[in-house]
Amino acid sequence: MTASSSAPRRSPAEQARLEAMLRELFERQLRFNEVVGLRVVSLDPAAPRMAFDMRPELIGHYLHGRLHGGVITTTLDTTAGLAVMVGIAEKYAGETTEQIGHRFARVGTIDLRTDFLQQGIGKTFTATARLVRLGGRIASVQMTLENEAGVLIATGSAAYVVS
């Protein structure tokens, strides 16, 4: 998603402020993300990524040490939400961090699907989201979760209200 060529682009300093705000929001202000240990890996508009490390608190099956399905779904949903917000920031590339922040207040998940493909076994997990469509009211996103070996653990699709 790119800004139109006629729209002014925010300055590099303002872009850095926006990216710092996104990291702060997704890593610390959304407290459940902090509990899971989610961290922003990339704010690339084509494919934002978040990652977390496996810990005993995230185990869903005690005999096999597998990742809990709720953690998988949370990670996919959160990464998709990040993709929507990065898409909004790109769509309104001439706006300040504060103006973009006000737009984020209206974003919310309205539909979420998770397909569990492999056991959640690994040391580090990375989720990638791709914004399929950012409309005036609804955004659609596709997501994946892989372990450090590149094994595809789960996929997801989601819709978000953006107005």
Foldseek 3Di string as FASTA:
>chain_A
DAEDPVADADDPVQVVVLVVVLQCCQCPVVPVSVVQAKGWDDLPLQKTKIKGFQDQVQADDVVVRFGNPVSVQVRFVSQQLSSLLSVLCRHNRNDGSVVSVVQSVQKDWDDKDKDFDDTRDAGMKMKIKGWPDDDPFKTKIKMWMAHPVRDTGMIMITMMTRD
